[in-house]
Amino acid sequence: MAVTLKEVEAIPGSYPPAPGLLSDAASMLNHAAIWQRIEAYCRDRWTARQVVWTVEGGGTWEPPLSPATVNTVEVWEGGAWVPCTPAASPLGGYELPGEGPYRITADVGGGEVPAAVSEAFRRLAEYLADATDRAGVSSYSVNMGGAIQESYQRSPAWVARAMELSGAADLLRPYKRRA
């Protein structure tokens, strides 16, 4: 079986627009950063960009991102990349004939953003924007002397768990990258 050794994904020119009904605080966040977090979790892409994979080994290989339109397949021979045309695999993808390595260049992305993905974006944005949410709180105190003061500190890892804690991960499960 062919193994993907390296994946170089270009940053798209733009990301899909943010879904409607965001709070003012969530609207102020960097939407490109939120899309990048969603894309890191998913195998699907909704805006076009170029991806180059370096693959080694013979056997079946299919693009790990979708939708993908493969433009070129090259094999390393005699100190240079040489174009080749692998056969189609019966289950999709390609049947790479030798050990390679291969360089596969494709255009990836496109299509409408599904409603579940838009909702995942909204949940993640609202979670990150909510300064009063107690998720990830590691220290909490209330001072009742004079004016009542409330303070808390979040664990530095709360952002790392935002996809899970916001509920976005549950919505993105059908689009999750394969291991």
C-alpha atoms as a PDB file:
ATOM      1  CA  MET A   1       0.000   0.000   0.000  1.00  0.00           C
ATOM      2  CA  ALA A   2       1.270   3.455  -0.876  1.00  0.00           C
ATOM      3  CA  VAL A   3       1.952   5.825   2.026  1.00  0.00           C
ATOM      4  CA  THR A   4       1.643   9.614   2.002  1.00  0.00           C
ATOM      5  CA  LEU A   5       4.936  10.992   3.316  1.00  0.00           C
ATOM      6  CA  LYS A   6       4.281  14.708   2.937  1.00  0.00           C
ATOM      7  CA  GLU A   7       1.391  17.044   2.248  1.00  0.00           C
ATOM      8  CA  VAL A   8       1.896  20.678   1.242  1.00  0.00           C
ATOM      9  CA  GLU A   9      -1.390  22.553   1.165  1.00  0.00           C
ATOM     10  CA  ALA A  10      -1.491  26.098  -0.163  1.00  0.00           C
ATOM     11  CA  ILE A  11      -3.458  28.712   1.758  1.00  0.00           C
ATOM     12  CA  PRO A  12      -6.571  29.570  -0.257  1.00  0.00           C
ATOM     13  CA  GLY A  13      -7.151  33.081  -1.549  1.00  0.00           C
ATOM     14  CA  SER A  14     -10.229  33.309   0.659  1.00  0.00           C
ATOM     15  CA  TYR A  15     -12.415  31.192   2.910  1.00  0.00           C
ATOM     16  CA  PRO A  16     -16.190  30.789   2.776  1.00  0.00           C
ATOM     17  CA  PRO A  17     -18.120  33.624   4.387  1.00  0.00           C
ATOM     18  CA  ALA A  18     -18.990  33.295   8.065  1.00  0.00           C
ATOM     19  CA  PRO A  19     -22.505  32.020   8.712  1.00  0.00           C
ATOM     20  CA  GLY A  20     -25.174  34.468   9.771  1.00  0.00           C
ATOM     21  CA  LEU A  21     -26.539  34.963  13.275  1.00  0.00           C
ATOM     22  CA  LEU A  22     -23.155  35.449  14.964  1.00  0.00           C
ATOM     23  CA  SER A  23     -23.002  37.601  18.066  1.00  0.00           C
ATOM     24  CA  ASP A  24     -21.090  40.878  17.845  1.00  0.00           C
ATOM     25  CA  ALA A  25     -18.191  39.344  19.793  1.00  0.00           C
ATOM     26  CA  ALA A  26     -18.018  36.293  17.500  1.00  0.00           C
ATOM     27  CA  SER A  27     -18.226  38.533  14.410  1.00  0.00           C
ATOM     28  CA  MET A  28     -15.086  40.342  15.574  1.00  0.00           C
ATOM     29  CA  LEU A  29     -12.955  37.162  15.608  1.00  0.00           C
ATOM     30  CA  ASN A  30     -10.553  36.269  12.812  1.00  0.00           C
ATOM     31  CA  HIS A  31     -12.779  34.113  10.611  1.00  0.00           C
ATOM     32  CA  ALA A  32      -9.861  32.783   8.562  1.00  0.00           C
ATOM     33  CA  ALA A  33      -8.336  31.375  11.760  1.00  0.00           C
ATOM     34  CA  ILE A  34     -11.603  29.616  12.602  1.00  0.00           C
ATOM     35  CA  TRP A  35     -11.815  28.120   9.103  1.00  0.00           C
ATOM     36  CA  GLN A  36      -8.207  26.949   9.441  1.00  0.00           C
ATOM     37  CA  ARG A  37      -9.068  25.150  12.703  1.00  0.00           C
ATOM     38  CA  ILE A  38     -12.070  23.503  11.061  1.00  0.00           C
ATOM     39  CA  GLU A  39     -10.002  22.457   8.038  1.00  0.00           C
ATOM     40  CA  ALA A  40      -7.284  20.995  10.265  1.00  0.00           C
ATOM     41  CA  TYR A  41      -9.984  18.719  11.669  1.00  0.00           C
ATOM     42  CA  CYS A  42     -11.691  17.855   8.355  1.00  0.00           C
ATOM     43  CA  ARG A  43     -10.714  16.068   5.151  1.00  0.00           C
ATOM     44  CA  ASP A  44     -13.085  18.222   3.083  1.00  0.00           C
ATOM     45  CA  ARG A  45     -12.239  21.666   1.739  1.00  0.00           C
ATOM     46  CA  TRP A  46     -14.789  24.258   0.621  1.00  0.00           C
ATOM     47  CA  THR A  47     -12.491  26.730  -1.147  1.00  0.00           C
ATOM     48  CA  ALA A  48     -10.055  25.895  -3.928  1.00  0.00           C
ATOM     49  CA  ARG A  49      -6.318  25.578  -3.380  1.00  0.00           C
ATOM     50  CA  GLN A  50      -3.407  23.494  -4.651  1.00  0.00           C
ATOM     51  CA  VAL A  51      -2.072  20.523  -2.704  1.00  0.00           C
ATOM     52  CA  VAL A  52       1.097  18.535  -3.413  1.00  0.00           C
ATOM     53  CA  TRP A  53       1.563  15.084  -1.895  1.00  0.00           C
ATOM     54  CA  THR A  54       4.745  13.044  -1.803  1.00  0.00           C
ATOM     55  CA  VAL A  55       3.848   9.351  -1.789  1.00  0.00           C
ATOM     56  CA  GLU A  56       6.060   6.302  -1.451  1.00  0.00           C
ATOM     57  CA  GLY A  57       5.485   2.640  -2.151  1.00  0.00           C
ATOM     58  CA  GLY A  58       3.502   0.803  -4.727  1.00  0.00           C
ATOM     59  CA  GLY A  59      -0.171  -0.007  -4.413  1.00  0.00           C
ATOM     60  CA  THR A  60      -3.422   1.825  -3.936  1.00  0.00           C
ATOM     61  CA  TRP A  61      -3.424   5.524  -3.047  1.00  0.00           C
ATOM     62  CA  GLU A  62      -6.221   8.078  -2.937  1.00  0.00           C
ATOM     63  CA  PRO A  63      -6.110  11.778  -2.087  1.00  0.00           C
ATOM     64  CA  PRO A  64      -6.614  12.264   1.670  1.00  0.00           C
ATOM     65  CA  LEU A  65      -8.434  15.584   1.021  1.00  0.00           C
ATOM     66  CA  SER A  66     -11.570  16.109  -1.032  1.00  0.00           C
ATOM     67  CA  PRO A  67     -12.888  17.055  -3.424  1.00  0.00           C
ATOM     68  CA  ALA A  68      -9.623  16.619  -5.334  1.00  0.00           C
ATOM     69  CA  THR A  69      -8.847  16.883  -9.023  1.00  0.00           C
ATOM     70  CA  VAL A  70      -5.422  15.395  -9.684  1.00  0.00           C
ATOM     71  CA  ASN A  71      -3.483  17.426 -12.250  1.00  0.00           C
ATOM     72  CA  THR A  72      -0.133  15.633 -12.409  1.00  0.00           C
ATOM     73  CA  VAL A  73       1.485  12.464 -11.134  1.00  0.00           C
ATOM     74  CA  GLU A  74       5.266  12.294 -11.328  1.00  0.00           C
ATOM     75  CA  VAL A  75       7.744   9.641 -10.278  1.00  0.00           C
ATOM     76  CA  TRP A  76      11.346  10.276  -9.189  1.00  0.00           C
ATOM     77  CA  GLU A  77      13.648   8.638 -11.738  1.00  0.00           C
ATOM     78  CA  GLY A  78      17.282   9.311 -12.505  1.00  0.00           C
ATOM     79  CA  GLY A  79      17.465  12.406 -10.308  1.00  0.00           C
ATOM     80  CA  ALA A  80      14.401  14.166 -11.731  1.00  0.00           C
ATOM     81  CA  TRP A  81      10.594  14.145 -11.583  1.00  0.00           C
ATOM     82  CA  VAL A  82       9.189  12.334 -14.625  1.00  0.00           C
ATOM     83  CA  PRO A  83       5.476  12.440 -15.556  1.00  0.00           C
ATOM     84  CA  CYS A  84       3.634   9.134 -15.262  1.00  0.00           C
ATOM     85  CA  THR A  85       0.058   7.947 -15.656  1.00  0.00           C
ATOM     86  CA  PRO A  86      -0.965   5.445 -12.987  1.00  0.00           C
ATOM     87  CA  ALA A  87      -3.950   3.183 -13.506  1.00  0.00           C
ATOM     88  CA  ALA A  88      -7.193   3.809 -11.672  1.00  0.00           C
ATOM     89  CA  SER A  89      -7.753   1.817  -8.496  1.00  0.00           C
ATOM     90  CA  PRO A  90     -10.933  -0.306  -8.313  1.00  0.00           C
ATOM     91  CA  LEU A  91     -11.981   1.480  -5.088  1.00  0.00           C
ATOM     92  CA  GLY A  92     -11.128   4.995  -6.274  1.00  0.00           C
ATOM     93  CA  GLY A  93      -7.799   6.744  -6.353  1.00  0.00           C
ATOM     94  CA  TYR A  94      -4.792   5.315  -8.162  1.00  0.00           C
ATOM     95  CA  GLU A  95      -2.764   2.153  -8.408  1.00  0.00           C
ATOM     96  CA  LEU A  96       0.875   3.256  -8.154  1.00  0.00           C
ATOM     97  CA  PRO A  97       3.016   0.687 -10.003  1.00  0.00           C
ATOM     98  CA  GLY A  98       6.398   0.959  -8.253  1.00  0.00           C
ATOM     99  CA  GLU A  99       8.076   2.143  -5.089  1.00  0.00           C
ATOM    100  CA  GLY A 100       8.336   5.775  -6.229  1.00  0.00           C
ATOM    101  CA  PRO A 101       8.548   8.211  -4.632  1.00  0.00           C
ATOM    102  CA  TYR A 102       5.704   9.983  -6.406  1.00  0.00           C
ATOM    103  CA  ARG A 103       4.744  13.651  -6.447  1.00  0.00           C
ATOM    104  CA  ILE A 104       1.023  14.167  -6.934  1.00  0.00           C
ATOM    105  CA  THR A 105      -0.336  17.667  -7.546  1.00  0.00           C
ATOM    106  CA  ALA A 106      -4.055  18.402  -7.295  1.00  0.00           C
ATOM    107  CA  ASP A 107      -6.605  21.173  -7.043  1.00  0.00           C
ATOM    108  CA  VAL A 108      -8.599  20.582  -3.869  1.00  0.00           C
ATOM    109  CA  GLY A 109     -11.774  22.215  -2.583  1.00  0.00           C
ATOM    110  CA  GLY A 110     -15.003  23.681  -3.767  1.00  0.00           C
ATOM    111  CA  GLY A 111     -18.707  23.291  -3.370  1.00  0.00           C
ATOM    112  CA  GLU A 112     -21.296  24.558  -0.935  1.00  0.00           C
ATOM    113  CA  VAL A 113     -20.592  24.565   2.782  1.00  0.00           C
ATOM    114  CA  PRO A 114     -22.979  22.044   4.390  1.00  0.00           C
ATOM    115  CA  ALA A 115     -25.346  23.315   7.085  1.00  0.00           C
ATOM    116  CA  ALA A 116     -23.616  21.176   9.745  1.00  0.00           C
ATOM    117  CA  VAL A 117     -20.241  22.766   8.953  1.00  0.00           C
ATOM    118  CA  SER A 118     -21.722  26.283   9.106  1.00  0.00           C
ATOM    119  CA  GLU A 119     -23.236  25.431  12.485  1.00  0.00           C
ATOM    120  CA  ALA A 120     -19.870  24.049  13.671  1.00  0.00           C
ATOM    121  CA  PHE A 121     -18.261  27.358  12.654  1.00  0.00           C
ATOM    122  CA  ARG A 122     -20.927  29.281  14.567  1.00  0.00           C
ATOM    123  CA  ARG A 123     -20.545  27.134  17.698  1.00  0.00           C
ATOM    124  CA  LEU A 124     -16.763  27.388  17.657  1.00  0.00           C
ATOM    125  CA  ALA A 125     -16.816  31.160  17.095  1.00  0.00           C
ATOM    126  CA  GLU A 126     -19.361  31.745  19.859  1.00  0.00           C
ATOM    127  CA  TYR A 127     -17.405  29.530  22.244  1.00  0.00           C
ATOM    128  CA  LEU A 128     -14.143  31.374  21.569  1.00  0.00           C
ATOM    129  CA  ALA A 129     -15.847  34.764  21.880  1.00  0.00           C
ATOM    130  CA  ASP A 130     -17.678  34.038  25.148  1.00  0.00           C
ATOM    131  CA  ALA A 131     -15.597  35.632  27.904  1.00  0.00           C
ATOM    132  CA  THR A 132     -18.107  34.501  30.549  1.00  0.00           C
ATOM    133  CA  ASP A 133     -18.038  30.797  29.673  1.00  0.00           C
ATOM    134  CA  ARG A 134     -16.635  28.763  32.556  1.00  0.00           C
ATOM    135  CA  ALA A 135     -15.267  25.965  30.380  1.00  0.00           C
ATOM    136  CA  GLY A 136     -11.580  25.464  31.007  1.00  0.00           C
ATOM    137  CA  VAL A 137     -11.607  27.479  34.237  1.00  0.00           C
ATOM    138  CA  SER A 138      -8.786  26.380  36.526  1.00  0.00           C
ATOM    139  CA  SER A 139      -9.151  29.058  39.212  1.00  0.00           C
ATOM    140  CA  TYR A 140     -12.259  30.923  40.369  1.00  0.00           C
ATOM    141  CA  SER A 141     -12.715  33.456  43.155  1.00  0.00           C
ATOM    142  CA  VAL A 142     -15.356  35.835  44.504  1.00  0.00           C
ATOM    143  CA  ASN A 143     -14.439  38.796  46.718  1.00  0.00           C
ATOM    144  CA  MET A 144     -17.401  39.964  48.813  1.00  0.00           C
ATOM    145  CA  GLY A 145     -15.617  42.769  50.706  1.00  0.00           C
ATOM    146  CA  GLY A 146     -17.137  46.078  49.626  1.00  0.00           C
ATOM    147  CA  ALA A 147     -17.979  45.766  45.955  1.00  0.00           C
ATOM    148  CA  ILE A 148     -18.513  42.203  44.805  1.00  0.00           C
ATOM    149  CA  GLN A 149     -15.748  41.117  42.457  1.00  0.00           C
ATOM    150  CA  GLU A 150     -15.621  37.910  40.510  1.00  0.00           C
ATOM    151  CA  SER A 151     -12.533  36.583  38.739  1.00  0.00           C
ATOM    152  CA  TYR A 152     -11.380  33.402  37.116  1.00  0.00           C
ATOM    153  CA  GLN A 153      -8.442  32.107  35.134  1.00  0.00           C
ATOM    154  CA  ARG A 154      -8.632  29.615  32.338  1.00  0.00           C
ATOM    155  CA  SER A 155      -6.257  26.792  31.779  1.00  0.00           C
ATOM    156  CA  PRO A 156      -3.991  27.602  28.815  1.00  0.00           C
ATOM    157  CA  ALA A 157      -5.294  24.413  27.177  1.00  0.00           C
ATOM    158  CA  TRP A 158      -8.932  25.553  26.981  1.00  0.00           C
ATOM    159  CA  VAL A 159      -8.503  26.826  23.422  1.00  0.00           C
ATOM    160  CA  ALA A 160      -6.990  23.506  22.368  1.00  0.00           C
ATOM    161  CA  ARG A 161     -10.201  21.778  23.478  1.00  0.00           C
ATOM    162  CA  ALA A 162     -12.527  24.394  21.978  1.00  0.00           C
ATOM    163  CA  MET A 163     -13.536  22.194  19.029  1.00  0.00           C
ATOM    164  CA  GLU A 164     -14.703  19.504  21.439  1.00  0.00           C
ATOM    165  CA  LEU A 165     -16.142  21.718  24.197  1.00  0.00           C
ATOM    166  CA  SER A 166     -18.121  23.902  21.783  1.00  0.00           C
ATOM    167  CA  GLY A 167     -19.879  20.929  20.194  1.00  0.00           C
ATOM    168  CA  ALA A 168     -18.336  21.673  16.791  1.00  0.00           C
ATOM    169  CA  ALA A 169     -16.463  18.343  16.725  1.00  0.00           C
ATOM    170  CA  ASP A 170     -19.713  16.397  16.959  1.00  0.00           C
ATOM    171  CA  LEU A 171     -21.100  18.213  13.935  1.00  0.00           C
ATOM    172  CA  LEU A 172     -17.881  17.712  11.962  1.00  0.00           C
ATOM    173  CA  ARG A 173     -17.606  13.970  12.634  1.00  0.00           C
ATOM    174  CA  PRO A 174     -18.773  12.974   9.100  1.00  0.00           C
ATOM    175  CA  TYR A 175     -16.021  15.189   7.617  1.00  0.00           C
ATOM    176  CA  LYS A 176     -13.200  14.146   9.981  1.00  0.00           C
ATOM    177  CA  ARG A 177      -9.803  13.316   8.545  1.00  0.00           C
ATOM    178  CA  ARG A 178      -8.872   9.670   8.471  1.00  0.00           C
ATOM    179  CA  ALA A 179      -5.974   8.636  10.635  1.00  0.00           C
END
